[in-house]
Protein backbone atom coordinates (compact mmCIF):
# COMPACT_ATOMS: atom_id res chain seq x y z
CA UNK A 1 90.62 178.17 142.27
CA UNK A 2 93.04 180.49 140.47
CA UNK A 3 95.84 179.03 138.41
CA UNK A 4 99.12 179.16 140.29
CA UNK A 5 102.01 180.96 138.56
CA UNK A 6 105.55 180.25 139.70
CA UNK A 7 107.56 183.19 140.96
CA UNK A 8 110.10 182.91 138.13
CA UNK A 9 107.29 183.79 135.68
CA UNK A 10 105.19 186.02 137.92
CA UNK A 11 108.11 188.28 138.83
CA UNK A 12 109.92 188.20 135.49
CA UNK A 13 111.24 191.72 134.76
CA UNK A 14 109.23 193.69 132.22
CA UNK A 15 111.56 196.70 131.91
CA UNK A 16 115.27 197.38 131.92
CA UNK A 17 114.90 199.07 135.31
CA UNK A 18 113.61 195.88 136.95
CA UNK A 19 116.42 193.64 135.67
CA UNK A 20 118.60 192.60 138.63
CA UNK A 21 122.40 192.51 138.59
CA UNK A 22 123.03 193.54 134.96
CA UNK A 23 123.03 197.34 135.18
CA UNK A 24 125.98 197.88 132.84
CA UNK A 25 124.37 195.85 130.04
CA UNK A 26 120.88 197.29 130.46
CA UNK A 27 122.23 200.86 130.44
CA UNK A 28 124.13 200.11 127.22
CA UNK A 29 121.00 198.72 125.55
CA UNK A 30 118.92 201.72 126.67
CA UNK A 31 121.55 204.14 125.33
CA UNK A 32 121.56 202.30 121.99
CA UNK A 33 117.79 202.76 121.76
CA UNK A 34 118.02 206.42 122.84
CA UNK A 35 120.72 207.18 120.25
CA UNK A 36 119.11 204.99 117.58
CA UNK A 37 122.33 202.97 117.22
CA UNK A 38 120.83 199.53 116.79
CA UNK A 39 122.93 196.68 115.50
CA UNK A 40 121.45 194.02 113.21
CA UNK A 41 122.70 191.10 115.36
CA UNK A 42 123.37 190.64 119.08
CA UNK A 43 124.81 187.72 121.04
CA UNK A 44 123.76 187.48 124.71
CA UNK A 45 125.92 184.94 126.56
CA UNK A 46 126.29 183.99 130.19
CA UNK A 47 125.22 181.46 132.85
CA UNK A 48 121.67 180.18 133.10
CA UNK A 49 119.02 182.26 134.79
CA UNK A 50 120.80 185.64 134.67
CA UNK A 51 118.37 187.42 132.30
CA UNK A 52 119.57 186.81 128.73
CA UNK A 53 116.19 185.94 127.17
CA UNK A 54 114.40 188.42 129.45
CA UNK A 55 116.60 191.29 128.26
CA UNK A 56 116.11 190.18 124.65
CA UNK A 57 112.32 190.36 125.06
CA UNK A 58 112.44 193.73 126.82
CA UNK A 59 114.72 195.06 124.07
CA UNK A 60 112.39 193.79 121.34
CA UNK A 61 109.34 195.24 123.09
CA UNK A 62 110.98 198.64 123.66
CA UNK A 63 112.22 199.24 120.08
CA UNK A 64 108.71 198.47 118.74
CA UNK A 65 106.86 200.68 121.24
CA UNK A 66 104.78 203.33 119.42
CA UNK A 67 104.83 205.84 122.33
CA UNK A 68 108.09 205.39 124.29
CA UNK A 69 108.54 207.29 127.55
CA UNK A 70 110.99 210.12 128.11
CA UNK A 71 113.51 207.57 129.36
CA UNK A 72 112.97 205.53 126.17
CA UNK A 73 111.20 202.69 127.98
CA UNK A 74 108.13 200.89 126.67
CA UNK A 75 104.85 202.55 127.53
CA UNK A 76 102.89 199.29 127.97
CA UNK A 77 99.80 201.03 126.60
CA UNK A 78 100.16 201.11 122.80
CA UNK A 79 98.95 198.30 120.57
CA UNK A 80 102.44 196.90 120.07
CA UNK A 81 103.12 196.74 123.84
CA UNK A 82 99.69 195.22 124.58
CA UNK A 83 100.22 192.60 121.88
CA UNK A 84 103.59 191.74 123.41
CA UNK A 85 102.22 191.53 126.96
CA UNK A 86 99.37 189.31 125.76
CA UNK A 87 101.80 187.09 123.82
CA UNK A 88 100.16 187.72 120.44
CA UNK A 89 102.77 189.97 118.85
CA UNK A 90 103.82 189.14 115.28
CA UNK A 91 106.93 191.32 115.50
CA UNK A 92 108.79 189.03 117.89
CA UNK A 93 109.74 185.51 116.84
CA UNK A 94 111.36 183.07 119.28
CA UNK A 95 113.11 179.89 118.21
CA UNK A 96 114.45 177.21 120.58
CA UNK A 97 117.60 175.96 118.87
CA UNK A 98 117.79 172.97 121.21
CA UNK A 99 114.80 171.36 119.44
CA UNK A 100 114.94 173.23 116.10
CA UNK A 101 118.56 172.88 115.11
CA UNK A 102 118.43 171.52 111.58
CA UNK A 103 119.09 173.28 108.29
CA UNK A 104 115.40 173.14 107.35
CA UNK A 105 114.44 174.96 110.56
CA UNK A 106 116.83 177.80 109.76
CA UNK A 107 115.70 177.97 106.14
CA UNK A 108 112.11 178.32 107.32
CA UNK A 109 113.20 181.13 109.63
CA UNK A 110 115.05 182.89 106.79
CA UNK A 111 111.95 182.73 104.57
CA UNK A 112 109.99 184.56 107.29
CA UNK A 113 112.62 187.30 107.56
CA UNK A 114 111.50 188.77 104.24
CA UNK A 115 108.03 189.57 105.65
CA UNK A 116 108.06 193.15 107.05
CA UNK A 117 106.40 193.93 110.42
CA UNK A 118 102.76 194.96 110.45
CA UNK A 119 102.89 197.01 113.66
CA UNK A 120 106.06 198.72 114.84
CA UNK A 121 109.41 199.19 113.15
CA UNK A 122 111.31 195.94 113.61
CA UNK A 123 110.93 192.20 113.37
CA UNK A 124 113.06 190.68 116.16
CA UNK A 125 114.21 187.06 115.95
CA UNK A 126 115.33 185.58 119.28
CA UNK A 127 117.21 182.27 118.94
CA UNK A 128 117.68 180.68 122.35
CA UNK A 129 120.44 178.12 123.06
CA UNK A 130 121.96 178.98 119.70
CA UNK A 131 125.04 176.84 120.36
CA UNK A 132 122.82 173.77 119.76
CA UNK A 133 122.52 174.55 116.03
CA UNK A 134 124.20 172.09 113.70
CA UNK A 135 127.13 173.16 111.52
CA UNK A 136 124.88 173.19 108.46
CA UNK A 137 122.31 175.36 110.24
CA UNK A 138 125.02 177.85 111.24
CA UNK A 139 126.22 178.06 107.65
CA UNK A 140 122.66 178.58 106.41
CA UNK A 141 122.27 181.48 108.84
CA UNK A 142 125.53 183.23 108.00
CA UNK A 143 124.53 185.31 104.98
CA UNK A 144 121.21 186.48 106.39
CA UNK A 145 122.83 187.26 109.74
CA UNK A 146 125.42 189.47 108.05
CA UNK A 147 123.08 191.39 105.72
CA UNK A 148 119.48 191.11 106.96
CA UNK A 149 116.69 193.47 105.84
CA UNK A 150 116.70 196.87 107.53
CA UNK A 151 113.75 195.95 109.74
CA UNK A 152 115.17 192.60 110.94
CA UNK A 153 117.20 192.24 114.16
CA UNK A 154 118.64 188.95 115.41
CA UNK A 155 119.28 188.29 119.11
CA UNK A 156 121.15 185.05 119.83
CA UNK A 157 121.28 183.71 123.39
CA UNK A 158 123.63 181.00 124.65
CA UNK A 159 125.16 179.59 127.82
CA UNK A 160 128.20 178.22 125.99
CA UNK A 161 129.87 180.98 124.03
CA UNK A 162 132.91 178.84 123.20
CA UNK A 163 130.75 176.61 120.99
CA UNK A 164 129.73 179.47 118.69
CA UNK A 165 131.52 179.60 115.35
CA UNK A 166 133.96 182.52 114.98
CA UNK A 167 132.16 183.50 111.77
CA UNK A 168 128.97 183.99 113.81
CA UNK A 169 130.74 185.89 116.59
CA UNK A 170 132.27 188.33 114.12
CA UNK A 171 128.79 189.29 112.86
CA UNK A 172 127.32 190.07 116.31
CA UNK A 173 127.67 192.56 119.11
CA UNK A 174 128.57 190.37 122.09
CA UNK A 175 127.10 191.08 125.54
CA UNK A 176 128.53 188.98 128.39
CA UNK A 177 126.05 188.61 131.26
CA UNK A 178 127.56 188.03 134.71
CA UNK A 179 126.41 185.92 137.61
CA UNK A 180 124.08 187.78 139.96
CA UNK A 181 125.68 188.45 143.32
CA UNK A 182 124.35 186.93 146.54
CA UNK A 183 123.46 190.37 147.87
CA UNK A 184 121.36 191.21 144.77
CA UNK A 185 119.55 187.86 144.89
CA UNK A 186 118.79 188.26 148.61
CA UNK A 187 117.45 191.76 148.02
CA UNK A 188 115.13 190.60 145.25
CA UNK A 189 113.93 187.60 147.26
CA UNK A 190 113.07 189.93 150.14
CA UNK A 191 111.02 192.00 147.69
CA UNK A 192 109.20 188.89 146.43
CA UNK A 193 108.62 187.61 149.98
CA UNK A 194 107.12 190.95 151.02
CA UNK A 195 104.74 190.94 148.04
CA UNK A 196 103.70 187.35 148.77
CA UNK A 197 103.20 188.00 152.48
CA UNK A 198 105.94 185.56 153.49
CA UNK A 199 108.23 186.14 156.47
CA UNK A 200 111.78 185.02 155.64
CA UNK A 201 114.95 185.14 157.72
CA UNK A 202 117.93 186.79 156.04
CA UNK A 203 120.18 183.79 156.83
CA UNK A 204 117.69 181.52 155.04
CA UNK A 205 117.64 183.72 151.94
CA UNK A 206 121.45 183.76 151.96
CA UNK A 207 121.46 179.98 151.78
CA UNK A 208 119.00 180.12 148.87
CA UNK A 209 121.15 182.67 147.04
CA UNK A 210 124.32 180.59 147.47
CA UNK A 211 122.48 177.46 146.33
CA UNK A 212 121.30 179.30 143.18
CA UNK A 213 124.94 179.93 142.16
CA UNK A 214 124.27 183.30 140.57
CA UNK A 215 120.99 182.42 138.79
CA UNK A 216 117.84 184.36 139.71
CA UNK A 217 115.52 181.79 138.12
CA UNK A 218 117.00 179.01 140.25
CA UNK A 219 116.70 181.20 143.36
CA UNK A 220 113.01 181.89 142.72
CA UNK A 221 112.34 178.19 142.10
CA UNK A 222 113.98 177.26 145.43
CA UNK A 223 112.02 180.06 147.11
CA UNK A 224 108.73 178.58 145.87
CA UNK A 225 109.81 175.17 147.19
CA UNK A 226 110.49 176.64 150.63
CA UNK A 227 107.16 178.44 150.72
CA UNK A 228 105.40 175.14 150.11
CA UNK A 229 107.39 173.42 152.89
CA UNK A 230 107.58 176.20 155.47
CA UNK A 231 104.32 178.00 154.83
CA UNK A 232 104.32 181.70 155.66
CA UNK A 233 107.60 181.68 157.61
CA UNK A 234 110.91 180.60 156.11
CA UNK A 235 113.54 179.87 158.78
CA UNK A 236 117.22 179.06 158.50
CA UNK A 237 116.91 175.64 160.15
CA UNK A 238 114.10 174.45 157.88
CA UNK A 239 115.89 175.84 154.82
CA UNK A 240 119.04 173.77 155.35
CA UNK A 241 116.84 170.72 155.95
CA UNK A 242 115.03 171.12 152.62
CA UNK A 243 118.14 172.02 150.61
CA UNK A 244 120.31 169.37 152.30
CA UNK A 245 122.97 171.96 153.17
CA UNK A 246 125.45 171.64 156.02
CA UNK A 247 124.92 174.11 158.84
CA UNK A 248 127.74 176.65 159.07
CA UNK A 249 127.63 176.17 162.84
CA UNK A 250 129.22 172.73 162.32
CA UNK A 251 132.26 174.32 160.68
CA UNK A 252 132.61 176.86 163.49
CA UNK A 253 132.56 174.00 166.03
CA UNK A 254 135.04 171.94 164.02
CA UNK A 255 137.50 174.84 163.80
CA UNK A 256 137.31 175.30 167.56
CA UNK A 257 138.04 171.57 168.10
CA UNK A 258 141.03 171.67 165.76
CA UNK A 259 142.52 174.72 167.46
CA UNK A 260 142.34 172.81 170.76
CA UNK A 261 143.88 169.71 169.10
CA UNK A 262 140.79 167.78 170.23
CA UNK A 263 140.95 164.81 167.86
CA UNK A 264 138.16 162.97 169.65
CA UNK A 265 135.56 165.73 169.18
CA UNK A 266 136.65 166.37 165.58
CA UNK A 267 136.11 162.72 164.63
CA UNK A 268 132.78 162.60 166.47
CA UNK A 269 131.61 165.69 164.58
CA UNK A 270 132.57 164.04 161.28
CA UNK A 271 130.58 160.97 162.30
CA UNK A 272 127.60 163.21 163.07
CA UNK A 273 127.82 164.72 159.59
CA UNK A 274 128.06 161.33 157.86
CA UNK A 275 125.16 159.88 159.86
CA UNK A 276 123.04 162.83 158.69
CA UNK A 277 123.49 161.60 155.12
CA UNK A 278 126.06 164.11 153.86
CA UNK A 279 128.95 163.16 151.62
CA UNK A 280 132.42 163.33 153.17
CA UNK A 281 133.79 165.11 150.10
CA UNK A 282 131.13 167.84 150.35
CA UNK A 283 132.03 168.23 154.02
CA UNK A 284 135.73 168.59 153.16
CA UNK A 285 135.25 171.20 150.42
CA UNK A 286 132.75 173.07 152.59
CA UNK A 287 135.27 173.25 155.41
CA UNK A 288 137.90 174.60 153.01
CA UNK A 289 135.46 177.36 152.02
CA UNK A 290 134.81 178.05 155.71
CA UNK A 291 138.53 178.49 156.47
CA UNK A 292 138.82 180.76 153.45
CA UNK A 293 136.02 182.91 154.88
CA UNK A 294 137.77 182.97 158.27
CA UNK A 295 140.97 184.12 156.56
CA UNK A 296 139.32 187.01 154.68
CA UNK A 297 137.56 188.05 157.92
CA UNK A 298 140.91 188.96 159.48
CA UNK A 299 141.11 192.24 157.56
CA UNK A 300 138.24 194.78 157.48
CA UNK A 301 138.96 195.47 153.81
CA UNK A 302 138.64 191.81 152.75
CA UNK A 303 135.60 191.16 154.94
CA UNK A 304 133.56 192.58 152.07
CA UNK A 305 134.37 189.37 150.15
CA UNK A 306 132.06 187.42 152.48
CA UNK A 307 128.71 186.71 150.85
CA UNK A 308 126.61 186.07 153.92
CA UNK A 309 124.42 187.83 156.46
CA UNK A 310 125.71 190.37 158.97
CA UNK A 311 125.15 188.07 161.97
CA UNK A 312 127.26 185.29 160.43
CA UNK A 313 129.91 187.84 159.43
CA UNK A 314 130.27 188.70 163.11
CA UNK A 315 130.82 185.01 163.91
CA UNK A 316 133.54 184.85 161.29
CA UNK A 317 135.24 187.93 162.74
CA UNK A 318 135.20 186.44 166.23
CA UNK A 319 136.69 183.14 165.08
CA UNK A 320 139.25 184.91 162.89
CA UNK A 321 140.60 186.63 166.02
CA UNK A 322 141.41 183.20 167.53
CA UNK A 323 143.02 181.64 164.43
CA UNK A 324 146.72 182.36 163.73
CA UNK A 325 147.49 183.26 160.14
CA UNK A 326 150.13 180.55 159.84
CA UNK A 327 147.66 177.92 161.03
CA UNK A 328 145.10 178.97 158.40
CA UNK A 329 147.67 178.89 155.58
CA UNK A 330 148.87 175.41 156.50
CA UNK A 331 145.33 174.11 157.09
CA UNK A 332 144.14 175.27 153.67
CA UNK A 333 147.14 173.63 152.01
CA UNK A 334 146.51 170.34 153.82
CA UNK A 335 142.81 170.30 152.90
CA UNK A 336 143.64 171.08 149.28
CA UNK A 337 146.06 168.12 149.14
CA UNK A 338 143.57 165.77 150.77
CA UNK A 339 140.83 166.94 148.41
CA UNK A 340 142.96 165.71 145.50
CA UNK A 341 143.62 162.39 147.26
CA UNK A 342 139.93 161.98 148.15
CA UNK A 343 138.88 161.55 144.53
CA UNK A 344 141.04 158.46 144.06
CA UNK A 345 140.81 157.06 147.58
CA UNK A 346 139.03 153.77 148.18
CA UNK A 347 138.38 154.43 151.87
CA UNK A 348 137.06 157.97 151.64
CA UNK A 349 136.01 158.27 155.27
CA UNK A 350 139.48 157.28 156.44
CA UNK A 351 141.00 159.89 154.13
CA UNK A 352 138.91 162.66 155.71
CA UNK A 353 139.66 161.37 159.22
CA UNK A 354 143.41 161.41 158.53
CA UNK A 355 143.00 164.97 157.26
CA UNK A 356 141.33 166.03 160.52
CA UNK A 357 144.01 164.32 162.60
CA UNK A 358 146.73 166.11 160.63
CA UNK A 359 144.93 169.42 161.12
CA UNK A 360 144.89 168.83 164.87
CA UNK A 361 148.70 168.64 164.86
CA UNK A 362 148.97 172.14 163.37
CA UNK A 363 148.17 173.99 166.59
CA UNK A 364 150.97 176.46 167.21
CA UNK A 365 152.67 176.56 170.65
CA UNK A 366 151.10 179.03 173.04
CA UNK A 367 152.88 182.31 173.63
CA UNK A 368 155.07 182.59 176.75
CA UNK A 369 152.78 183.58 179.65
CA UNK A 370 153.40 186.74 181.58
CA UNK A 371 155.53 186.46 184.73
CA UNK A 372 158.00 183.89 183.37
CA UNK A 373 161.49 185.12 184.08
CA UNK A 374 163.73 185.81 181.13
CA UNK A 375 167.31 184.46 181.12
CA UNK A 376 169.67 186.81 182.96
CA UNK A 377 172.21 188.76 180.95
CA UNK A 378 175.83 187.65 181.18
CA UNK A 379 177.79 189.60 183.81
CA UNK A 380 180.03 192.28 182.34
CA UNK A 381 183.74 192.13 183.20
CA UNK A 382 185.12 195.26 184.85
CA UNK A 383 187.99 197.04 183.16
CA UNK A 384 190.00 197.33 186.40
CA UNK A 385 189.92 195.46 189.71
CA UNK A 386 187.92 197.24 192.38
CA UNK A 387 189.08 197.94 195.95
CA UNK A 388 187.11 197.76 199.13
CA UNK A 389 187.00 200.17 202.04
CA UNK A 390 189.31 199.98 205.09
CA UNK A 391 186.81 198.26 207.29
CA UNK A 392 185.26 195.18 205.92
CA UNK A 393 181.55 194.71 206.37
CA UNK A 394 180.50 191.66 208.34
CA UNK A 395 179.61 188.79 206.18
CA UNK A 396 175.88 188.31 205.73
CA UNK A 397 174.86 184.73 205.11
CA UNK A 398 173.20 184.37 201.72
CA UNK A 399 169.76 182.86 201.81
CA UNK A 400 168.03 181.17 198.96
CA UNK A 401 165.47 183.54 197.55
CA UNK A 402 162.21 182.22 196.26
CA UNK A 403 161.09 182.97 192.77
CA UNK A 404 158.21 185.09 194.03
CA UNK A 405 160.36 187.21 196.51
CA UNK A 406 162.19 190.47 195.86
CA UNK A 407 165.68 191.00 194.45
CA UNK A 408 168.38 188.41 195.17
CA UNK A 409 170.85 189.07 198.07
CA UNK A 410 174.33 190.36 197.26
CA UNK A 411 177.03 187.65 197.38
CA UNK A 412 179.47 187.58 200.33
CA UNK A 413 182.60 189.66 199.58
CA UNK A 414 186.03 188.82 201.13
CA UNK A 415 187.47 191.33 203.61
CA UNK A 416 190.66 193.17 202.55
CA UNK A 417 193.15 195.27 204.47
CA UNK A 418 193.81 198.94 203.75
CA UNK A 419 195.96 199.42 200.69
CA UNK A 420 195.53 195.86 199.61
CA UNK A 421 194.04 195.30 196.22
CA UNK A 422 191.26 192.81 196.15
CA UNK A 423 191.64 189.99 193.75
CA UNK A 424 188.95 189.89 191.13
CA UNK A 425 186.09 187.72 192.16
CA UNK A 426 185.72 184.71 189.95
CA UNK A 427 182.07 184.06 189.14
CA UNK A 428 180.89 180.75 190.45
CA UNK A 429 179.57 178.52 187.69
CA UNK A 430 175.87 177.97 187.96
CA UNK A 431 174.69 174.42 187.96
CA UNK A 432 172.92 173.58 184.73
CA UNK A 433 170.10 171.11 185.20
CA UNK A 434 170.81 167.93 183.31
CA UNK A 435 168.08 167.12 180.87
CA UNK A 436 167.08 163.48 181.01
CA UNK A 437 167.97 161.75 177.80
CA UNK A 438 165.08 159.97 176.11
CA UNK A 439 165.33 156.25 176.45
CA UNK A 440 165.73 154.42 173.14
CA UNK A 441 162.67 152.46 172.09
CA UNK A 442 162.83 148.91 170.87
CA UNK A 443 159.23 147.73 170.71
CA UNK A 444 158.47 144.69 168.56
CA UNK A 445 156.13 145.18 165.60
CA UNK A 446 154.13 142.99 163.25
CA UNK A 447 153.76 142.91 159.49
CA UNK A 448 150.40 144.72 159.73
CA UNK A 449 151.88 147.53 161.84
CA UNK A 450 154.71 147.87 159.33
CA UNK A 451 152.26 148.10 156.43
CA UNK A 452 150.22 150.78 158.23
CA UNK A 453 153.36 152.79 158.98
CA UNK A 454 154.50 152.42 155.37
CA UNK A 455 151.12 153.66 154.09
CA UNK A 456 151.37 156.67 156.40
CA UNK A 457 154.52 157.79 154.58
CA UNK A 458 152.31 159.22 151.83
CA UNK A 459 151.27 162.06 154.13
CA UNK A 460 154.90 163.16 154.60
CA UNK A 461 155.67 163.45 150.87
CA UNK A 462 152.44 164.73 149.23
CA UNK A 463 154.25 166.32 146.26
CA UNK A 464 156.92 163.71 145.52
CA UNK A 465 155.05 161.82 142.81
CA UNK A 466 157.90 159.43 141.91
CA UNK A 467 158.47 158.50 145.54
CA UNK A 468 154.73 158.07 146.17
CA UNK A 469 154.45 155.69 143.23
CA UNK A 470 157.41 153.71 144.57
CA UNK A 471 155.91 153.53 148.07
CA UNK A 472 152.69 152.16 146.57
CA UNK A 473 154.35 149.54 144.38
CA UNK A 474 157.01 148.22 146.78
CA UNK A 475 156.78 147.21 150.43
CA UNK A 476 159.60 146.11 152.75
CA UNK A 477 159.94 142.67 154.27
CA UNK A 478 160.88 141.92 157.88
CA UNK A 479 164.27 140.18 157.95
CA UNK A 480 164.84 140.45 161.71
CA UNK A 481 163.27 142.39 164.61
CA UNK A 482 165.31 145.45 163.61
CA UNK A 483 166.14 144.84 159.93
CA UNK A 484 163.90 145.48 156.92
CA UNK A 485 164.64 144.63 153.30
CA UNK A 486 163.23 146.57 150.35
CA UNK A 487 163.74 145.15 146.85
CA UNK A 488 163.57 147.66 143.98
CA UNK A 489 163.74 147.18 140.24
CA UNK A 490 166.42 149.58 139.02
CA UNK A 491 169.21 151.86 140.31
CA UNK A 492 167.19 155.03 139.65
CA UNK A 493 164.56 153.90 142.13
CA UNK A 494 167.24 153.18 144.70
CA UNK A 495 168.75 156.62 144.21
CA UNK A 496 165.33 158.25 144.61
CA UNK A 497 164.68 156.27 147.79
CA UNK A 498 168.05 157.19 149.28
CA UNK A 499 167.22 160.89 148.88
CA UNK A 500 164.48 160.57 151.48
CA UNK A 501 165.81 157.64 153.52
CA UNK A 502 166.48 159.75 156.64
CA UNK A 503 162.94 161.08 156.79
CA UNK A 504 161.52 157.64 156.05
CA UNK A 505 163.48 156.07 158.91
CA UNK A 506 162.48 158.91 161.23
CA UNK A 507 158.82 158.24 160.44
CA UNK A 508 159.17 154.48 160.96
CA UNK A 509 160.98 154.97 164.27
CA UNK A 510 158.23 157.22 165.54
CA UNK A 511 155.27 155.13 164.37
CA UNK A 512 156.70 151.69 165.16
CA UNK A 513 158.26 152.97 168.43
CA UNK A 514 161.49 151.23 167.55
CA UNK A 515 164.64 153.34 167.12
CA UNK A 516 166.79 150.44 165.92
CA UNK A 517 164.94 149.74 162.67
CA UNK A 518 167.12 149.86 159.55
CA UNK A 519 166.27 149.36 155.88
CA UNK A 520 168.45 147.42 153.46
CA UNK A 521 167.72 148.38 149.85
CA UNK A 522 168.54 145.73 147.20
CA UNK A 523 167.94 145.43 143.47
CA UNK A 524 166.21 142.56 141.78
CA UNK A 525 168.49 140.02 140.11
CA UNK A 526 168.41 140.58 136.38
CA UNK A 527 168.34 137.65 133.98
CA UNK A 528 171.28 138.47 131.70
CA UNK A 529 171.09 135.32 129.62
CA UNK A 530 170.56 135.93 125.96
CA UNK A 531 167.14 135.03 124.63
CA UNK A 532 166.81 132.57 121.78
CA UNK A 533 165.74 134.30 118.58
CA UNK A 534 166.78 132.11 115.61
CA UNK A 535 165.42 128.63 114.89
CA UNK A 536 168.77 126.93 115.62
CA UNK A 537 169.05 128.78 118.96
CA UNK A 538 165.52 127.77 119.91
CA UNK A 539 166.23 124.13 119.00
CA UNK A 540 169.44 124.16 121.01
CA UNK A 541 167.55 125.54 124.01
CA UNK A 542 164.86 122.88 123.75
CA UNK A 543 167.41 120.08 123.45
CA UNK A 544 169.21 121.31 126.54
CA UNK A 545 165.94 121.21 128.46
CA UNK A 546 164.65 117.97 126.97
CA UNK A 547 167.50 115.55 125.99
CA UNK A 548 165.00 113.04 124.54
CA UNK A 549 164.25 115.56 121.81
CA UNK A 550 167.92 115.52 120.75
CA UNK A 551 168.01 111.74 120.62
CA UNK A 552 164.80 111.72 118.57
CA UNK A 553 166.31 114.21 116.11
CA UNK A 554 169.43 112.06 115.69
CA UNK A 555 167.45 108.83 115.22
CA UNK A 556 165.17 110.34 112.58
CA UNK A 557 167.99 112.43 111.04
CA UNK A 558 165.84 115.62 111.22
CA UNK A 559 167.32 118.89 109.94
CA UNK A 560 166.14 122.49 110.27
CA UNK A 561 165.03 124.11 107.01
């Protein structure tokens, strides 16, 4: 049985051409080799799994190749290239700074720098995770890093550039590696799958690429895991099962429920997600990302920002056509506010449920349907009174026209004799339907209902930090069926509360269904009595509280010192 080699090692790039997603950096390194402009120290920095150590090895192999190609790539046939491929080259030295970070380790490395290469032109020293070196080790490396022998080249690799000393940075050429895009990762995974004889759906590989977060090594590791689980066919459904990722179809369904203001289905969908073992916070942030993708799908130019398959892009475009822009803006703002509250909330499920309920209230009113009559324009007054003909037309009784019939009948005009000027017709006032006035509500409420309504005030003032703190620390008491009393500590709190008192009362009226509720705001009674500080004042206070102590002092003739 052959030894199994993971894809991250088996498909590790061996030339600059095969490096994925770093074309600008690889072209710069190839030009430096072509022009023989090699620096003595390089710093490769960037996220994990993007090719820093791989490019360092390819660079070291290429500059030591005895017979480079016309494009200045390694030939893979000379003794230096064969020694590198077989991992027996003495020209390339790798040091893991995570486990060799002491001063003695660096001193040992410096002692080896003075030994010239036996085959090839350069001795290349690759120090991985260089930010793990101690301060003493960095200082020991400084002088050699600045003025090494002509045949020595240092390549430092790190994921945390900000931890590198400025004195080290100033001695290196810095190359910033970028995260590999989802499209590039998917393309390379398709190449690997084809070589391995594995059939993989594009949607499944998109999920793998997004899970890898820009790292090719992580993507290949997840790919191997899926091959073991799925066999020769990797499907989207089995991929989200293995990676414990929420199906995007859930977010499409949730958005449709919210647009219909269907609170019941939205809460049932949340329950389905939680029963599947997913965290409510992950669900909330995932939905925010979904709405962001819906928003960018509204414009063909911004659709390119979607990092997903073409079939899912079409779904986003279809849903974007049904979502008003204003609704998306407000929904994203609400989710962002609730995401902040979620981290400190004790009842996290309730927080997400309140968020969904609030999103259901954002549905904009439907546009006016066709066929609804517009209000008639006001009749224009004539400049001069009009006259009628000599013979008056017989009066035609006016019939009520239905809304669906043709034009309304002309009103009956009074008959006038010849030469007589008709008096201007006064327009008859149209009867305005009287709107029924809402009946005032006066429902009784309990202390628990009041506390729930008071807690709901936080949703109406998400950015008023001082008011939110006050609402958390103080709660009103029921004085009578329509009177509440809120006791605050100082006048500044009372002033802050009065700023929002109208909105607070409006909320309480609506939630408690009682329009007669009023709030009386009082301040705590302050104890203005002077505290006892001196010994005589303390004794006087004690005697006033305990008269026996005064009599004992007089009997024993005790005096304060």
